[in-house]
N, C-alpha and C. Protein backbone atom coordinates (compact mmCIF):
# COMPACT_ATOMS: atom_id res chain seq x y z
N MET A 1 -78.53 -6.50 -27.00
CA MET A 1 -78.21 -7.34 -26.36
C MET A 1 -77.56 -7.50 -24.99
N PHE A 2 -77.24 -8.03 -24.00
CA PHE A 2 -77.16 -8.03 -22.96
C PHE A 2 -76.15 -9.09 -22.65
N HIS A 3 -75.06 -8.59 -22.26
CA HIS A 3 -73.75 -9.45 -22.17
C HIS A 3 -73.82 -10.11 -20.32
N HIS A 4 -73.78 -11.34 -20.30
CA HIS A 4 -73.62 -11.57 -18.22
C HIS A 4 -72.11 -11.64 -18.64
N THR A 5 -71.43 -11.06 -17.13
CA THR A 5 -69.95 -10.56 -17.62
C THR A 5 -69.68 -11.45 -15.89
N PRO A 6 -69.16 -12.72 -16.39
CA PRO A 6 -69.04 -13.45 -14.66
C PRO A 6 -68.36 -12.79 -13.85
N ILE A 7 -68.77 -12.72 -12.71
CA ILE A 7 -67.82 -11.51 -11.15
C ILE A 7 -67.35 -12.81 -10.98
N PRO A 8 -65.76 -11.51 -10.85
CA PRO A 8 -64.24 -12.72 -10.85
C PRO A 8 -65.02 -13.34 -8.53
N GLN A 9 -64.59 -14.12 -8.95
CA GLN A 9 -64.38 -14.97 -7.57
C GLN A 9 -63.22 -14.77 -6.46
N ILE A 10 -63.60 -14.28 -5.58
CA ILE A 10 -62.48 -14.27 -4.89
C ILE A 10 -61.79 -15.53 -4.06
N GLN A 11 -60.99 -16.02 -4.49
CA GLN A 11 -60.59 -16.93 -3.57
C GLN A 11 -59.41 -16.54 -2.77
N THR A 12 -59.75 -17.24 -1.17
CA THR A 12 -58.71 -17.05 0.06
C THR A 12 -57.96 -18.06 0.04
N MET A 13 -57.16 -17.80 0.80
CA MET A 13 -56.51 -18.88 0.46
C MET A 13 -56.08 -19.11 2.28
N THR A 14 -55.75 -20.22 2.18
CA THR A 14 -54.90 -20.44 4.11
C THR A 14 -53.70 -20.70 4.24
N PRO A 15 -52.80 -20.32 4.73
CA PRO A 15 -51.76 -20.23 4.72
C PRO A 15 -51.37 -21.40 5.18
N THR A 16 -50.37 -21.99 4.44
CA THR A 16 -50.20 -23.20 4.83
C THR A 16 -48.33 -23.50 5.36
N PRO A 17 -48.51 -23.98 6.85
CA PRO A 17 -47.02 -24.22 6.90
C PRO A 17 -45.54 -24.60 5.61
N THR A 18 -44.69 -24.33 5.68
CA THR A 18 -43.63 -24.50 4.32
C THR A 18 -42.28 -24.83 5.66
N LEU A 19 -42.16 -25.85 5.15
CA LEU A 19 -40.38 -26.07 5.96
C LEU A 19 -39.64 -25.49 5.01
N HIS A 20 -38.04 -25.02 5.47
CA HIS A 20 -37.17 -24.56 5.11
C HIS A 20 -36.35 -25.03 4.50
N HIS A 21 -35.92 -26.18 3.66
CA HIS A 21 -35.01 -26.46 3.31
C HIS A 21 -33.70 -26.03 2.89
N ILE A 22 -32.71 -26.77 4.23
CA ILE A 22 -31.62 -26.05 4.61
C ILE A 22 -30.45 -27.10 4.05
N ASN A 23 -29.88 -26.54 2.51
CA ASN A 23 -28.93 -27.58 2.00
C ASN A 23 -27.68 -28.13 2.53
N GLN A 24 -27.46 -29.06 2.29
CA GLN A 24 -25.47 -29.83 2.92
C GLN A 24 -24.68 -28.53 3.46
N GLN A 25 -24.49 -27.65 2.10
CA GLN A 25 -23.62 -26.52 2.29
C GLN A 25 -23.48 -25.93 3.65
N GLN A 26 -25.02 -24.95 3.61
CA GLN A 26 -25.31 -23.98 4.71
C GLN A 26 -24.72 -25.28 6.10
N ILE A 27 -25.13 -26.29 6.33
CA ILE A 27 -25.34 -26.69 7.71
C ILE A 27 -23.27 -27.12 7.49
N THR A 28 -22.83 -27.40 6.74
CA THR A 28 -21.32 -27.35 6.77
C THR A 28 -20.68 -26.29 6.36
N ASN A 29 -21.37 -25.04 6.02
CA ASN A 29 -20.43 -23.53 5.92
C ASN A 29 -21.38 -22.73 6.56
N PRO A 30 -21.89 -22.83 7.79
CA PRO A 30 -23.06 -21.51 8.00
C PRO A 30 -22.48 -20.44 8.47
N ILE A 31 -23.10 -18.81 7.96
CA ILE A 31 -22.22 -17.59 8.08
C ILE A 31 -21.76 -17.26 8.66
N PRO A 32 -20.77 -17.31 8.10
CA PRO A 32 -19.75 -15.73 9.77
C PRO A 32 -20.77 -15.16 10.29
N PRO A 33 -19.82 -14.95 11.85
CA PRO A 33 -21.09 -14.13 12.25
C PRO A 33 -20.32 -12.81 12.11
N SER A 34 -21.12 -11.69 12.65
CA SER A 34 -20.21 -10.29 11.91
C SER A 34 -19.33 -9.89 13.43
N GLY A 35 -18.95 -9.23 13.31
CA GLY A 35 -17.71 -9.01 14.04
C GLY A 35 -17.38 -6.77 13.96
N GLU A 36 -16.81 -6.89 15.02
CA GLU A 36 -16.63 -5.21 14.70
C GLU A 36 -14.73 -4.62 15.48
N LEU A 37 -14.61 -4.01 14.12
CA LEU A 37 -13.33 -3.09 14.29
C LEU A 37 -13.21 -2.05 14.82
N HIS A 38 -13.01 -1.48 15.94
CA HIS A 38 -13.10 -0.12 16.25
C HIS A 38 -11.66 0.26 16.70
N VAL A 39 -11.16 1.32 16.50
CA VAL A 39 -9.64 1.96 16.39
C VAL A 39 -9.38 3.09 16.64
N ILE A 40 -8.40 3.05 17.86
CA ILE A 40 -8.38 4.77 18.40
C ILE A 40 -6.70 5.00 18.54
N VAL A 41 -6.17 5.84 17.72
CA VAL A 41 -5.28 6.50 17.30
C VAL A 41 -4.73 7.24 17.57
N GLY A 42 -3.61 8.34 17.72
CA GLY A 42 -3.55 9.19 18.07
C GLY A 42 -2.04 9.38 18.64
N PRO A 43 -1.64 10.44 18.68
CA PRO A 43 0.25 10.39 18.80
C PRO A 43 0.80 9.92 20.87
N MET A 44 1.35 10.23 21.12
CA MET A 44 1.86 9.62 23.02
C MET A 44 0.83 10.92 23.26
N PHE A 45 0.68 10.36 24.31
CA PHE A 45 0.41 10.89 25.58
C PHE A 45 -1.38 11.47 25.01
N ALA A 46 -2.24 11.35 23.76
CA ALA A 46 -3.31 12.01 23.30
C ALA A 46 -4.29 11.06 24.41
N GLY A 47 -4.06 10.10 25.16
CA GLY A 47 -5.03 9.29 26.05
C GLY A 47 -6.20 8.20 25.02
N LYS A 48 -5.11 7.83 24.14
CA LYS A 48 -5.58 6.36 23.54
C LYS A 48 -5.63 4.99 24.27
N THR A 49 -4.50 4.59 25.64
CA THR A 49 -5.19 4.14 26.66
C THR A 49 -6.23 4.39 27.25
N THR A 50 -6.23 5.13 27.71
CA THR A 50 -7.26 6.04 28.88
C THR A 50 -9.09 5.40 27.96
N ALA A 51 -8.72 6.06 26.46
CA ALA A 51 -10.08 5.94 25.71
C ALA A 51 -10.27 4.67 25.33
N LEU A 52 -9.06 3.37 25.27
CA LEU A 52 -8.95 2.23 25.48
C LEU A 52 -9.89 1.24 26.81
N LEU A 53 -9.75 2.00 27.53
CA LEU A 53 -10.61 1.32 28.74
C LEU A 53 -11.09 1.73 29.36
N ARG A 54 -11.79 2.90 29.14
CA ARG A 54 -13.34 3.22 28.97
C ARG A 54 -13.93 2.43 28.37
N ARG A 55 -13.53 2.44 26.85
CA ARG A 55 -14.75 1.88 26.15
C ARG A 55 -14.96 0.27 26.48
N ILE A 56 -13.82 -0.26 27.36
CA ILE A 56 -13.64 -1.84 27.88
C ILE A 56 -14.27 -2.11 28.84
N LYS A 57 -14.32 -0.51 30.03
CA LYS A 57 -15.21 -1.13 31.27
C LYS A 57 -16.41 -1.09 30.51
N SER A 58 -16.72 -0.06 30.21
CA SER A 58 -18.72 0.38 29.46
C SER A 58 -18.78 -1.01 29.29
N GLU A 59 -17.96 -2.06 28.44
CA GLU A 59 -18.33 -3.17 27.79
C GLU A 59 -18.69 -3.79 28.76
N CYS A 60 -17.96 -4.20 29.77
CA CYS A 60 -17.79 -4.97 31.05
C CYS A 60 -19.61 -4.87 31.73
N ILE A 61 -19.31 -3.65 31.73
CA ILE A 61 -20.66 -2.96 32.67
C ILE A 61 -21.80 -3.57 31.91
N ASN A 62 -22.10 -3.43 30.29
CA ASN A 62 -22.89 -3.99 29.92
C ASN A 62 -23.29 -5.58 29.81
N GLY A 63 -22.19 -6.08 30.83
CA GLY A 63 -22.56 -7.91 30.56
C GLY A 63 -21.34 -8.55 29.66
N ARG A 64 -20.95 -7.59 28.52
CA ARG A 64 -20.36 -8.60 27.64
C ARG A 64 -18.81 -8.73 28.49
N ASN A 65 -17.81 -10.25 27.98
CA ASN A 65 -17.39 -10.99 28.11
C ASN A 65 -15.62 -10.07 27.55
N ILE A 66 -14.89 -10.14 28.33
CA ILE A 66 -13.51 -9.06 27.63
C ILE A 66 -12.36 -9.59 27.88
N ALA A 67 -11.66 -9.44 27.12
CA ALA A 67 -10.17 -10.15 27.07
C ALA A 67 -9.03 -8.44 26.53
N MET A 68 -8.23 -8.48 27.51
CA MET A 68 -7.20 -6.98 27.08
C MET A 68 -5.86 -7.94 27.08
N ILE A 69 -5.87 -7.34 25.58
CA ILE A 69 -4.38 -7.32 25.21
C ILE A 69 -2.90 -6.99 25.22
N LYS A 70 -1.86 -6.76 25.57
CA LYS A 70 -0.84 -6.19 25.22
C LYS A 70 0.49 -6.67 24.77
N SER A 71 1.36 -5.87 24.01
CA SER A 71 2.64 -7.04 23.68
C SER A 71 3.54 -6.52 24.89
N ASN A 72 4.51 -7.88 25.01
CA ASN A 72 5.00 -8.22 26.10
C ASN A 72 6.33 -7.37 25.81
N LYS A 73 6.79 -6.55 24.64
CA LYS A 73 7.49 -5.91 24.96
C LYS A 73 7.96 -4.34 25.22
N ASP A 74 5.96 -4.00 25.79
CA ASP A 74 5.76 -2.91 26.94
C ASP A 74 5.65 -3.32 28.59
N THR A 75 6.81 -3.11 28.93
CA THR A 75 6.79 -3.02 30.12
C THR A 75 7.60 -1.61 31.24
N ARG A 76 6.57 -1.30 30.51
CA ARG A 76 6.74 0.33 31.69
C ARG A 76 6.33 0.34 32.50
N TYR A 77 4.94 -0.08 32.93
CA TYR A 77 4.70 -0.29 34.14
C TYR A 77 4.31 -1.70 34.89
N THR A 78 4.07 -2.44 34.46
CA THR A 78 3.25 -3.57 34.83
C THR A 78 3.06 -4.66 34.04
N ILE A 79 3.79 -5.76 33.99
CA ILE A 79 3.53 -6.54 32.69
C ILE A 79 2.29 -7.55 32.90
N ASP A 80 1.34 -7.51 33.72
CA ASP A 80 0.27 -8.02 33.45
C ASP A 80 -1.07 -7.30 33.75
N SER A 81 -0.60 -5.97 33.19
CA SER A 81 -2.13 -4.70 33.36
C SER A 81 -1.52 -3.75 32.28
N VAL A 82 -2.70 -3.38 31.67
CA VAL A 82 -2.49 -2.23 30.43
C VAL A 82 -2.67 -0.68 31.85
N VAL A 83 -2.05 -0.34 31.56
CA VAL A 83 -2.31 0.98 32.99
C VAL A 83 -1.69 2.12 32.12
N THR A 84 -3.01 3.49 32.07
CA THR A 84 -3.16 4.94 32.24
C THR A 84 -1.51 5.45 32.81
N HIS A 85 -1.58 7.06 32.06
CA HIS A 85 -0.20 7.69 32.28
C HIS A 85 -0.81 8.39 33.87
N ASP A 86 -2.13 8.47 34.08
CA ASP A 86 -2.57 8.46 35.59
C ASP A 86 -2.76 8.00 36.88
N GLY A 87 -2.47 6.72 35.90
CA GLY A 87 -2.65 5.18 36.87
C GLY A 87 -3.49 4.04 36.99
N SER A 88 -4.74 4.54 36.19
CA SER A 88 -6.01 3.42 35.90
C SER A 88 -5.44 2.13 35.03
N LYS A 89 -5.64 1.02 36.02
CA LYS A 89 -5.14 -0.05 35.67
C LYS A 89 -5.96 -1.03 34.97
N TYR A 90 -5.80 -2.08 34.43
CA TYR A 90 -7.03 -2.65 33.93
C TYR A 90 -6.14 -4.08 33.26
N PRO A 91 -6.54 -6.06 33.85
CA PRO A 91 -6.08 -6.29 34.18
C PRO A 91 -5.69 -7.20 32.55
N CYS A 92 -4.31 -8.14 32.00
CA CYS A 92 -4.46 -7.97 30.74
C CYS A 92 -3.50 -9.02 29.82
N TRP A 93 -3.53 -9.68 29.53
CA TRP A 93 -2.14 -10.91 29.07
C TRP A 93 -1.36 -10.58 28.06
N ALA A 94 0.00 -10.51 28.53
CA ALA A 94 0.79 -9.79 27.70
C ALA A 94 1.71 -11.22 26.57
N LEU A 95 1.51 -10.68 25.44
CA LEU A 95 1.89 -11.81 24.58
C LEU A 95 2.46 -11.08 23.38
N PRO A 96 4.30 -12.21 22.14
CA PRO A 96 4.84 -12.01 21.42
C PRO A 96 3.73 -11.59 20.75
N ASP A 97 2.97 -11.94 20.16
CA ASP A 97 2.02 -12.12 19.02
C ASP A 97 1.01 -12.20 19.24
N LEU A 98 -0.21 -12.52 18.68
CA LEU A 98 -1.90 -11.82 18.92
C LEU A 98 -2.10 -13.27 17.96
N LEU A 99 -1.51 -13.81 17.60
CA LEU A 99 -2.32 -15.46 16.62
C LEU A 99 -2.22 -16.37 18.06
N SER A 100 -0.99 -16.19 18.64
CA SER A 100 -1.05 -17.51 20.17
C SER A 100 -1.92 -17.42 20.64
N PHE A 101 -2.64 -15.68 21.16
CA PHE A 101 -3.57 -15.61 22.29
C PHE A 101 -5.04 -16.75 22.04
N LYS A 102 -5.46 -17.29 21.02
CA LYS A 102 -6.38 -17.78 21.46
C LYS A 102 -6.16 -19.58 21.93
N GLN A 103 -4.84 -19.80 21.16
CA GLN A 103 -3.85 -21.02 22.11
C GLN A 103 -4.63 -20.79 23.59
N LYS A 104 -3.25 -19.74 24.00
CA LYS A 104 -2.91 -19.87 25.06
C LYS A 104 -4.57 -19.85 26.26
N LEU A 105 -5.17 -18.99 25.54
CA LEU A 105 -6.54 -18.34 26.40
C LEU A 105 -7.05 -20.10 26.14
N GLY A 106 -7.40 -20.54 25.34
CA GLY A 106 -7.90 -21.51 25.09
C GLY A 106 -9.42 -21.48 24.05
N GLU A 107 -9.79 -22.82 24.04
CA GLU A 107 -10.89 -22.52 22.66
C GLU A 107 -12.13 -22.21 23.24
N GLU A 108 -12.45 -23.37 24.18
CA GLU A 108 -13.45 -22.72 25.03
C GLU A 108 -13.96 -21.14 25.73
N GLU A 109 -12.92 -21.06 26.12
CA GLU A 109 -12.90 -19.61 27.03
C GLU A 109 -12.50 -18.54 25.65
N TYR A 110 -12.19 -18.92 25.10
CA TYR A 110 -12.95 -17.83 23.92
C TYR A 110 -13.15 -17.60 22.98
N ARG A 111 -14.14 -18.76 22.68
CA ARG A 111 -15.61 -18.63 22.79
C ARG A 111 -16.39 -17.66 22.76
N LYS A 112 -16.34 -17.46 24.63
CA LYS A 112 -16.94 -17.00 25.56
C LYS A 112 -17.03 -15.28 25.31
N LEU A 113 -16.23 -14.99 24.62
CA LEU A 113 -15.36 -13.65 24.02
C LEU A 113 -16.48 -13.29 23.55
N ASP A 114 -16.66 -11.78 24.16
CA ASP A 114 -17.39 -10.60 23.32
C ASP A 114 -16.46 -9.52 22.52
N VAL A 115 -15.56 -9.31 23.45
CA VAL A 115 -15.01 -8.17 23.09
C VAL A 115 -13.31 -8.59 23.67
N ILE A 116 -12.56 -8.01 22.35
CA ILE A 116 -11.07 -7.82 22.64
C ILE A 116 -10.59 -6.59 22.21
N GLY A 117 -9.50 -6.09 23.77
CA GLY A 117 -9.04 -5.35 23.74
C GLY A 117 -7.09 -5.07 23.37
N ILE A 118 -7.17 -4.43 22.39
CA ILE A 118 -5.62 -4.79 22.31
C ILE A 118 -5.21 -2.94 22.19
N ASP A 119 -3.96 -3.10 23.30
CA ASP A 119 -3.29 -2.00 24.13
C ASP A 119 -1.97 -1.68 22.69
N GLU A 120 -1.18 -0.59 22.38
CA GLU A 120 -0.54 -0.39 22.33
C GLU A 120 -0.06 -1.42 20.34
N ALA A 121 -1.03 -1.55 19.89
CA ALA A 121 -1.66 -2.63 18.99
C ALA A 121 0.14 -2.19 17.80
N GLN A 122 0.67 -1.47 17.94
CA GLN A 122 2.04 -0.81 16.52
C GLN A 122 2.95 -1.93 17.28
N PHE A 123 2.94 -2.94 18.10
CA PHE A 123 4.07 -3.53 18.62
C PHE A 123 3.77 -4.74 17.90
N PHE A 124 2.92 -5.13 17.65
CA PHE A 124 2.19 -6.39 16.61
C PHE A 124 2.32 -6.42 15.44
N ASP A 125 3.50 -7.24 14.82
CA ASP A 125 3.45 -7.21 13.47
C ASP A 125 2.04 -8.33 12.70
N ASP A 126 1.18 -9.12 13.30
CA ASP A 126 0.10 -9.70 13.27
C ASP A 126 -0.93 -9.11 13.11
N LEU A 127 -1.03 -8.13 13.89
CA LEU A 127 -2.31 -7.46 13.83
C LEU A 127 -3.85 -7.64 12.98
N TYR A 128 -3.07 -6.80 11.66
CA TYR A 128 -3.94 -7.49 10.27
C TYR A 128 -4.77 -8.67 10.48
N ASP A 129 -3.66 -9.63 10.72
CA ASP A 129 -4.58 -10.98 10.43
C ASP A 129 -5.18 -11.25 11.48
N PHE A 130 -4.60 -11.10 12.50
CA PHE A 130 -5.66 -11.37 14.27
C PHE A 130 -6.80 -10.33 14.10
N CYS A 131 -6.81 -8.99 13.42
CA CYS A 131 -8.12 -8.40 13.78
C CYS A 131 -9.28 -9.40 12.51
N CYS A 132 -8.86 -9.75 11.75
CA CYS A 132 -9.47 -10.20 10.46
C CYS A 132 -10.26 -10.98 10.73
N LYS A 133 -9.38 -12.00 11.68
CA LYS A 133 -10.00 -13.23 12.16
C LYS A 133 -11.07 -13.26 13.55
N ALA A 134 -10.68 -12.28 13.94
CA ALA A 134 -11.33 -12.58 14.71
C ALA A 134 -12.63 -11.56 15.10
N ALA A 135 -12.61 -10.81 14.00
CA ALA A 135 -14.09 -9.65 13.84
C ALA A 135 -15.25 -10.35 13.02
N ASP A 136 -13.91 -11.15 11.42
CA ASP A 136 -14.68 -11.42 10.41
C ASP A 136 -15.00 -12.70 10.10
N HIS A 137 -14.09 -13.65 11.20
CA HIS A 137 -14.93 -15.56 11.14
C HIS A 137 -15.63 -15.18 12.59
N ASP A 138 -14.58 -14.58 13.79
CA ASP A 138 -15.34 -15.04 14.90
C ASP A 138 -16.35 -14.35 15.47
N GLY A 139 -16.81 -13.08 15.10
CA GLY A 139 -18.06 -12.09 15.41
C GLY A 139 -17.54 -11.94 16.91
N LYS A 140 -16.23 -10.85 16.70
CA LYS A 140 -15.57 -10.73 17.76
C LYS A 140 -15.60 -9.13 17.74
N THR A 141 -15.93 -8.14 18.52
CA THR A 141 -15.52 -6.67 19.11
C THR A 141 -14.33 -6.42 18.69
N VAL A 142 -13.70 -6.02 18.18
CA VAL A 142 -12.26 -5.69 18.28
C VAL A 142 -11.71 -4.09 18.50
N ILE A 143 -11.09 -3.76 19.90
CA ILE A 143 -10.99 -2.94 20.14
C ILE A 143 -9.34 -2.34 19.88
N VAL A 144 -8.89 -1.31 19.13
CA VAL A 144 -7.52 -1.01 19.02
C VAL A 144 -7.07 -0.05 19.33
N ALA A 145 -5.77 -0.08 20.60
CA ALA A 145 -5.41 1.75 20.38
C ALA A 145 -4.19 1.38 20.04
N GLU A 146 -3.62 2.32 19.30
CA GLU A 146 -2.52 2.51 18.67
C GLU A 146 -2.54 4.02 17.84
N GLY A 147 -0.55 4.09 17.62
CA GLY A 147 0.10 5.36 17.47
C GLY A 147 0.52 5.37 16.06
N THR A 148 0.87 4.36 15.44
CA THR A 148 1.39 4.33 14.05
C THR A 148 0.71 4.61 13.12
N LEU A 149 -0.59 4.52 12.82
CA LEU A 149 -1.34 5.28 11.52
C LEU A 149 -0.92 6.46 11.95
N VAL A 150 -1.01 7.26 12.83
CA VAL A 150 -0.99 8.83 13.04
C VAL A 150 0.18 9.45 12.30
N GLN A 151 1.54 8.64 12.87
CA GLN A 151 2.81 8.59 12.52
C GLN A 151 3.02 8.41 11.44
N CYS A 152 2.46 7.77 10.43
CA CYS A 152 2.84 7.56 8.97
C CYS A 152 2.24 8.59 8.51
N LEU A 153 0.75 9.28 9.46
CA LEU A 153 0.16 10.50 8.48
C LEU A 153 1.12 11.85 8.65
N ILE A 154 1.39 11.69 9.54
CA ILE A 154 1.94 13.11 9.72
C ILE A 154 3.67 13.27 9.43
């Protein structure tokens, strides 16, 4: 006896456009941008500020918006610039604390920033909070030069 087995039919489906539904929580709480934190450490006279300025200038050449910050306690050369031991300079904000930076710069200008450089970061008590907010919440690249970590390890 011969059984006839039906041949399976291949169905072709035309993709239909679908709408992605966004719930209200995604609108009110969007995924925060992802930033970066880079730390340059070393003992005194190791070239931390030189390395920081090299990175900042490179970011600037690549078209990124930059702000440089240093503590207002650092008065070795000039208050309005970060200066290396060999005399290279970059204009900066000299501040008593980091959390006031956004307020002093202004919300609109802060939003335009891509990269924030911080020299002599060990002078800022609010360094951790500022870096977390700037990188994790605001999506900034933060480049920090400081010597405390190395001193703690020695």
